[in-house]
Amino acid sequence: MADNKLVEWLLKGDVSIQYQTFCDLLGEDRFDLQERIAIEGWGSQFLSRRKPEGHWGEGFYKHKWISTHYTLLDLRNLTLSREDPLAQQSIDQVLHTLKADDGGIQLGPSTSQRSDVCVNGMFLNYASYFNAPEGELRSVVDMLLLEVMPDGGFNCRTTRSGARHSSLHSTLSVLEGLFEFQKAGFDYRSEEITDAIERAEEFILLHRLYLSDRTGAIIHKDFLKFAYPCRWKYDVLRAMDYFQYRGKDWDDRMSDALDLILNKRNENGTWNMQAAHPGEVHFVMERAGQPSRINTLRALRVLERYQEHLDQVD
């Protein structure tokens, strides 16, 4: 799918991009590159900002993008080694200090005892990835499964002001967490998790990833902008990247999303960083409005997974 020049360009990027390019596009497990993520490039920069107390920023969720929560999510998405001791120590600290009454992770010691659905989906994602003990994660799974909405998705407002309809933002975050929990080899409530995953995926596909199921209109224009890091925010590329990572079979309702991704490709085969979510960051990985190795890699692995269906896309 990717020509040699494009692969060469990706391999000139950060070591995390190099590692994922070998794994996802070239079919080579270059663990020597993965080991370097902790000691050079973006991964090293994130780890160097960890406080002696074991957190980033001013704690688990403060301040937003430089907090422990979002830094661990960034490190997971950079594919830092699953055995990294600093990541594991920080997750263990969270598990033993911030468990809420409902079994989920609360945002801070003084926050509500009802856990945020979206945050716990993201937490389950990186905690499972970094090999947190299954027994410590079971209560997070229990809390999330209690929040499945009648339409099959999730909405973080269910634990705040209430909600009647699922959110694509929350649904995708929880899907990523539940799938990573299963991918880690954990079998706790396996059948129920599989059912929840299938129902939540159906919720996304019912909307053809970004369209109203009632009117066919675009739900939100930001869903069409490919930003990175994604944080908690939904977009079409993030959703399709989840589907390819999950190994989801092709569904014709993906065709609009795949068409959108193809139409955003530059003439030289790259994809731009289209937007950046505002807020304080540790450092800027890639700048908005410029060709992006991260987005190009993510788009190419989506196309690689679903390439046999490209002729179905107008």
Protein backbone atom coordinates (compact mmCIF):
# COMPACT_ATOMS: atom_id res chain seq x y z
CA MET A 1 0.00 0.00 0.00
CA ALA A 2 2.78 2.43 0.93
CA ASP A 3 5.49 3.11 -1.66
CA ASN A 4 9.16 2.93 -0.74
CA LYS A 5 9.63 6.70 -0.55
CA LEU A 6 6.76 7.03 1.89
CA VAL A 7 8.14 4.23 4.07
CA GLU A 8 11.59 5.86 3.98
CA TRP A 9 10.01 9.14 5.10
CA LEU A 10 8.25 7.43 8.00
CA LEU A 11 11.49 5.71 9.03
CA LYS A 12 13.15 9.12 9.40
CA GLY A 13 10.67 10.04 12.12
CA ASP A 14 10.64 9.46 15.85
CA VAL A 15 11.73 6.01 16.99
CA SER A 16 8.11 5.21 17.97
CA ILE A 17 7.06 5.91 14.37
CA GLN A 18 9.91 3.74 13.11
CA TYR A 19 8.87 0.86 15.35
CA GLN A 20 5.19 1.03 14.35
CA THR A 21 6.10 1.34 10.67
CA PHE A 22 8.09 -1.89 10.85
CA CYS A 23 5.35 -3.67 12.80
CA ASP A 24 2.26 -2.40 11.01
CA LEU A 25 3.41 -1.83 7.43
CA LEU A 26 6.46 -4.04 6.95
CA GLY A 27 5.46 -6.96 9.18
CA GLU A 28 8.66 -6.94 11.24
CA ASP A 29 8.80 -6.99 15.04
CA ARG A 30 11.73 -4.68 15.71
CA PHE A 31 11.86 -4.91 19.48
CA ASP A 32 15.25 -3.22 19.43
CA LEU A 33 13.46 -0.09 18.25
CA GLN A 34 10.72 -0.42 20.86
CA GLU A 35 13.33 -0.59 23.61
CA ARG A 36 14.74 2.75 22.41
CA ILE A 37 11.37 4.57 22.83
CA ALA A 38 12.08 4.98 26.56
CA ILE A 39 15.53 6.48 26.06
CA GLU A 40 15.22 8.72 23.02
CA GLY A 41 12.75 10.90 21.14
CA TRP A 42 9.21 11.57 22.26
CA GLY A 43 8.99 8.68 24.70
CA SER A 44 12.09 9.83 26.53
CA GLN A 45 10.78 13.39 26.69
CA PHE A 46 7.52 12.24 28.28
CA LEU A 47 9.30 10.03 30.82
CA SER A 48 11.76 12.79 31.72
CA ARG A 49 8.86 14.96 32.90
CA ARG A 50 7.69 12.42 35.48
CA LYS A 51 7.87 13.78 39.01
CA PRO A 52 9.78 11.95 41.78
CA GLU A 53 6.39 11.29 43.41
CA GLY A 54 5.44 9.14 40.42
CA HIS A 55 3.02 11.45 38.62
CA TRP A 56 3.07 13.96 35.78
CA GLY A 57 1.68 17.49 35.91
CA GLU A 58 -0.05 18.04 39.24
CA GLY A 59 -1.60 14.61 39.59
CA PHE A 60 -3.83 12.10 37.85
CA TYR A 61 -5.98 14.59 35.94
CA LYS A 62 -4.39 18.00 36.45
CA HIS A 63 -3.61 19.83 34.32
CA LYS A 64 -5.40 18.08 31.48
CA TRP A 65 -2.88 17.25 28.74
CA ILE A 66 0.21 17.17 31.01
CA SER A 67 -1.47 15.09 33.72
CA THR A 68 -0.55 11.53 34.63
CA HIS A 69 -3.66 10.26 32.87
CA TYR A 70 -3.02 11.79 29.46
CA THR A 71 0.74 11.25 29.61
CA LEU A 72 0.25 7.53 30.19
CA LEU A 73 -2.24 7.46 27.32
CA ASP A 74 0.33 9.19 25.09
CA LEU A 75 3.01 6.69 26.08
CA ARG A 76 0.69 3.78 25.38
CA ASN A 77 -0.10 5.17 21.93
CA LEU A 78 3.62 5.59 21.24
CA THR A 79 3.91 1.84 22.01
CA LEU A 80 6.36 2.23 24.86
CA SER A 81 7.31 -1.24 26.13
CA ARG A 82 4.49 -2.94 28.00
CA GLU A 83 7.01 -3.77 30.73
CA ASP A 84 8.20 -0.20 31.28
CA PRO A 85 8.71 0.10 35.07
CA LEU A 86 7.92 3.81 35.36
CA ALA A 87 4.58 3.48 33.57
CA GLN A 88 3.72 0.41 35.65
CA GLN A 89 4.63 2.13 38.91
CA SER A 90 2.47 5.15 38.12
CA ILE A 91 -0.52 2.99 37.19
CA ASP A 92 -0.09 0.96 40.39
CA GLN A 93 -0.08 4.21 42.37
CA VAL A 94 -3.35 5.31 40.75
CA LEU A 95 -4.98 1.93 41.36
CA HIS A 96 -4.14 2.07 45.06
CA THR A 97 -5.04 5.70 45.74
CA LEU A 98 -7.90 6.73 43.45
CA LYS A 99 -10.40 3.86 43.43
CA ALA A 100 -13.94 5.26 43.77
CA ASP A 101 -16.86 3.64 45.55
CA ASP A 102 -18.18 2.33 42.22
CA GLY A 103 -14.87 0.60 41.46
CA GLY A 104 -13.68 3.04 38.82
CA ILE A 105 -10.85 5.55 38.96
CA GLN A 106 -11.87 8.98 40.21
CA LEU A 107 -10.31 12.16 38.85
CA GLY A 108 -8.85 13.21 42.18
CA PRO A 109 -9.12 12.65 45.94
CA SER A 110 -11.82 15.30 46.37
CA THR A 111 -13.97 14.53 43.31
CA SER A 112 -17.29 12.73 43.07
CA GLN A 113 -17.41 9.07 44.00
CA ARG A 114 -19.05 8.33 40.64
CA SER A 115 -16.38 7.64 38.07
CA ASP A 116 -16.12 9.25 34.66
CA VAL A 117 -16.96 6.75 31.90
CA CYS A 118 -14.65 8.20 29.24
CA VAL A 119 -11.66 8.54 31.58
CA ASN A 120 -12.10 4.98 32.84
CA GLY A 121 -12.26 3.67 29.28
CA MET A 122 -8.94 5.37 28.56
CA PHE A 123 -7.49 4.19 31.87
CA LEU A 124 -8.46 0.58 31.14
CA ASN A 125 -6.78 0.93 27.75
CA TYR A 126 -3.34 1.94 29.00
CA ALA A 127 -3.49 0.00 32.28
CA SER A 128 -4.22 -3.21 30.34
CA TYR A 129 -1.52 -2.37 27.80
CA PHE A 130 1.08 -1.88 30.54
CA ASN A 131 0.16 -5.22 32.13
CA ALA A 132 -1.57 -4.03 35.28
CA PRO A 133 -2.83 -7.04 37.29
CA GLU A 134 -6.19 -8.30 36.06
CA GLY A 135 -7.54 -8.43 39.59
CA GLU A 136 -6.93 -4.71 40.05
CA LEU A 137 -8.80 -3.89 36.82
CA ARG A 138 -11.90 -6.00 37.39
CA SER A 139 -13.73 -3.28 39.31
CA VAL A 140 -13.06 -0.83 36.45
CA VAL A 141 -14.58 -3.33 34.03
CA ASP A 142 -17.57 -3.78 36.36
CA MET A 143 -18.11 -0.03 36.54
CA LEU A 144 -17.97 0.36 32.74
CA LEU A 145 -20.32 -2.53 32.00
CA LEU A 146 -22.90 -0.95 34.28
CA GLU A 147 -22.86 2.15 32.07
CA VAL A 148 -23.87 0.54 28.76
CA MET A 149 -26.75 2.61 27.40
CA PRO A 150 -29.88 1.19 25.70
CA ASP A 151 -28.50 2.14 22.26
CA GLY A 152 -25.35 0.09 22.94
CA GLY A 153 -22.89 2.93 23.41
CA PHE A 154 -21.57 4.97 26.31
CA ASN A 155 -21.78 8.59 27.45
CA CYS A 156 -19.73 10.19 30.22
CA ARG A 157 -22.74 12.32 31.14
CA THR A 158 -24.46 9.27 32.62
CA THR A 159 -22.40 9.75 35.77
CA ARG A 160 -22.84 13.53 35.75
CA SER A 161 -26.05 15.20 34.59
CA GLY A 162 -27.53 12.15 32.87
CA ALA A 163 -27.85 11.24 29.19
CA ARG A 164 -30.38 9.65 26.87
CA HIS A 165 -28.16 9.02 23.86
CA SER A 166 -24.63 7.66 23.63
CA SER A 167 -21.63 9.77 22.70
CA LEU A 168 -19.17 8.78 19.98
CA HIS A 169 -16.37 10.26 22.09
CA SER A 170 -17.12 8.11 25.13
CA THR A 171 -18.08 5.02 23.13
CA LEU A 172 -14.76 4.88 21.31
CA SER A 173 -12.73 5.47 24.47
CA VAL A 174 -14.53 2.61 26.23
CA LEU A 175 -14.18 0.33 23.19
CA GLU A 176 -10.43 0.89 23.15
CA GLY A 177 -10.27 0.01 26.84
CA LEU A 178 -12.44 -3.10 26.72
CA PHE A 179 -10.63 -4.47 23.69
CA GLU A 180 -7.18 -3.83 25.19
CA PHE A 181 -8.31 -5.64 28.35
CA GLN A 182 -9.18 -8.69 26.26
CA LYS A 183 -6.05 -8.36 24.12
CA ALA A 184 -3.96 -8.53 27.29
CA GLY A 185 -5.29 -12.08 27.74
CA PHE A 186 -7.66 -11.35 30.62
CA ASP A 187 -10.80 -13.48 30.63
CA TYR A 188 -12.84 -11.76 33.35
CA ARG A 189 -16.48 -11.40 32.20
CA SER A 190 -15.27 -12.25 28.73
CA GLU A 191 -18.65 -12.98 27.10
CA GLU A 192 -20.20 -9.82 28.52
CA ILE A 193 -17.27 -7.72 27.33
CA THR A 194 -17.48 -9.22 23.84
CA ASP A 195 -21.19 -8.44 23.73
CA ALA A 196 -20.58 -4.87 24.93
CA ILE A 197 -17.87 -4.40 22.30
CA GLU A 198 -20.10 -5.64 19.50
CA ARG A 199 -23.01 -3.44 20.59
CA ALA A 200 -20.80 -0.35 20.90
CA GLU A 201 -19.25 -0.99 17.49
CA GLU A 202 -22.72 -1.30 16.03
CA PHE A 203 -23.58 2.10 17.53
CA ILE A 204 -20.64 3.66 15.66
CA LEU A 205 -21.43 1.82 12.43
CA LEU A 206 -25.09 2.80 12.65
CA HIS A 207 -23.82 6.37 12.32
CA ARG A 208 -21.49 5.43 9.44
CA LEU A 209 -18.83 6.72 11.85
CA TYR A 210 -19.82 10.40 11.65
CA LEU A 211 -23.37 10.85 10.33
CA SER A 212 -26.70 11.26 12.10
CA ASP A 213 -28.71 8.05 11.96
CA ARG A 214 -31.87 10.17 11.63
CA THR A 215 -30.94 12.89 9.12
CA GLY A 216 -27.69 11.73 7.54
CA ALA A 217 -26.07 15.07 8.39
CA ILE A 218 -22.53 15.34 9.73
CA ILE A 219 -22.79 15.10 13.51
CA HIS A 220 -19.88 17.47 14.19
CA LYS A 221 -17.36 19.00 11.81
CA ASP A 222 -14.50 18.24 14.21
CA PHE A 223 -15.07 14.52 13.58
CA LEU A 224 -13.58 15.16 10.13
CA LYS A 225 -10.36 16.73 11.43
CA PHE A 226 -7.49 14.36 12.12
CA ALA A 227 -5.77 15.60 15.27
CA TYR A 228 -3.08 13.95 17.36
CA PRO A 229 -2.83 13.24 20.21
CA CYS A 230 -6.54 12.46 20.07
CA ARG A 231 -7.08 12.81 23.84
CA TRP A 232 -10.73 11.92 24.59
CA LYS A 233 -11.98 13.38 21.33
CA TYR A 234 -13.49 11.33 18.55
CA ASP A 235 -12.60 11.60 14.89
CA VAL A 236 -13.03 9.36 11.87
CA LEU A 237 -9.37 8.35 11.55
CA ARG A 238 -9.18 7.37 15.22
CA ALA A 239 -12.32 5.23 14.83
CA MET A 240 -11.05 3.48 11.71
CA ASP A 241 -7.66 2.95 13.34
CA TYR A 242 -9.46 1.24 16.22
CA PHE A 243 -11.34 -1.02 13.80
CA GLN A 244 -8.16 -2.08 12.01
CA TYR A 245 -6.35 -2.68 15.32
CA ARG A 246 -9.27 -4.76 16.56
CA GLY A 247 -9.22 -6.77 13.31
CA LYS A 248 -12.81 -5.85 12.58
CA ASP A 249 -14.15 -7.30 9.36
CA TRP A 250 -15.16 -4.89 6.64
CA ASP A 251 -18.61 -3.38 6.95
CA ASP A 252 -20.11 -1.42 4.06
CA ARG A 253 -21.02 1.31 6.53
CA MET A 254 -17.29 2.08 6.78
CA SER A 255 -17.20 3.21 3.13
CA ASP A 256 -17.97 6.89 3.79
CA ALA A 257 -15.23 7.04 6.40
CA LEU A 258 -12.69 5.33 4.15
CA ASP A 259 -13.60 7.70 1.33
CA LEU A 260 -13.06 10.65 3.67
CA ILE A 261 -9.61 9.38 4.64
CA LEU A 262 -8.62 8.87 1.00
CA ASN A 263 -9.78 12.36 0.05
CA LYS A 264 -7.56 13.92 2.71
CA ARG A 265 -4.39 12.36 1.30
CA ASN A 266 -1.85 14.81 -0.13
CA GLU A 267 -0.50 14.40 -3.66
CA ASN A 268 2.76 13.01 -2.26
CA GLY A 269 0.88 10.31 -0.34
CA THR A 270 1.08 11.90 3.10
CA TRP A 271 -1.65 13.12 5.43
CA ASN A 272 -1.53 16.41 7.33
CA MET A 273 -1.86 17.09 11.02
CA GLN A 274 -5.15 18.92 10.61
CA ALA A 275 -5.71 20.30 14.09
CA ALA A 276 -4.35 20.45 17.61
CA HIS A 277 -6.54 20.31 20.69
CA PRO A 278 -5.86 23.50 22.69
CA GLY A 279 -4.26 23.27 26.10
CA GLU A 280 -0.91 23.01 27.84
CA VAL A 281 1.32 20.22 26.53
CA HIS A 282 4.68 18.78 27.52
CA PHE A 283 5.97 19.48 24.01
CA VAL A 284 4.66 19.58 20.45
CA MET A 285 5.15 16.34 18.55
CA GLU A 286 3.90 17.56 15.16
CA ARG A 287 2.46 20.90 14.09
CA ALA A 288 -1.01 21.43 12.66
CA GLY A 289 -1.20 22.22 8.97
CA GLN A 290 1.91 20.22 8.06
CA PRO A 291 2.46 16.68 6.78
CA SER A 292 2.24 14.30 9.71
CA ARG A 293 4.09 11.04 10.08
CA ILE A 294 1.68 9.93 12.82
CA ASN A 295 -1.43 10.55 10.75
CA THR A 296 0.19 9.09 7.64
CA LEU A 297 1.10 5.92 9.54
CA ARG A 298 -2.39 5.62 11.01
CA ALA A 299 -4.09 6.19 7.64
CA LEU A 300 -1.82 3.71 5.87
CA ARG A 301 -2.50 0.92 8.33
CA VAL A 302 -6.23 1.51 7.91
CA LEU A 303 -5.86 1.27 4.13
CA GLU A 304 -3.63 -1.79 4.53
CA ARG A 305 -6.33 -3.55 6.53
CA TYR A 306 -9.19 -2.68 4.18
CA GLN A 307 -7.36 -2.37 0.85
CA GLU A 308 -9.39 -5.10 -0.87
CA HIS A 309 -12.51 -2.95 -0.37
CA LEU A 310 -11.07 0.26 -1.81
CA ASP A 311 -12.79 -0.37 -5.14
CA GLN A 312 -16.14 -0.14 -3.29
CA VAL A 313 -15.35 3.43 -2.27
CA ASP A 314 -16.46 6.13 -4.69
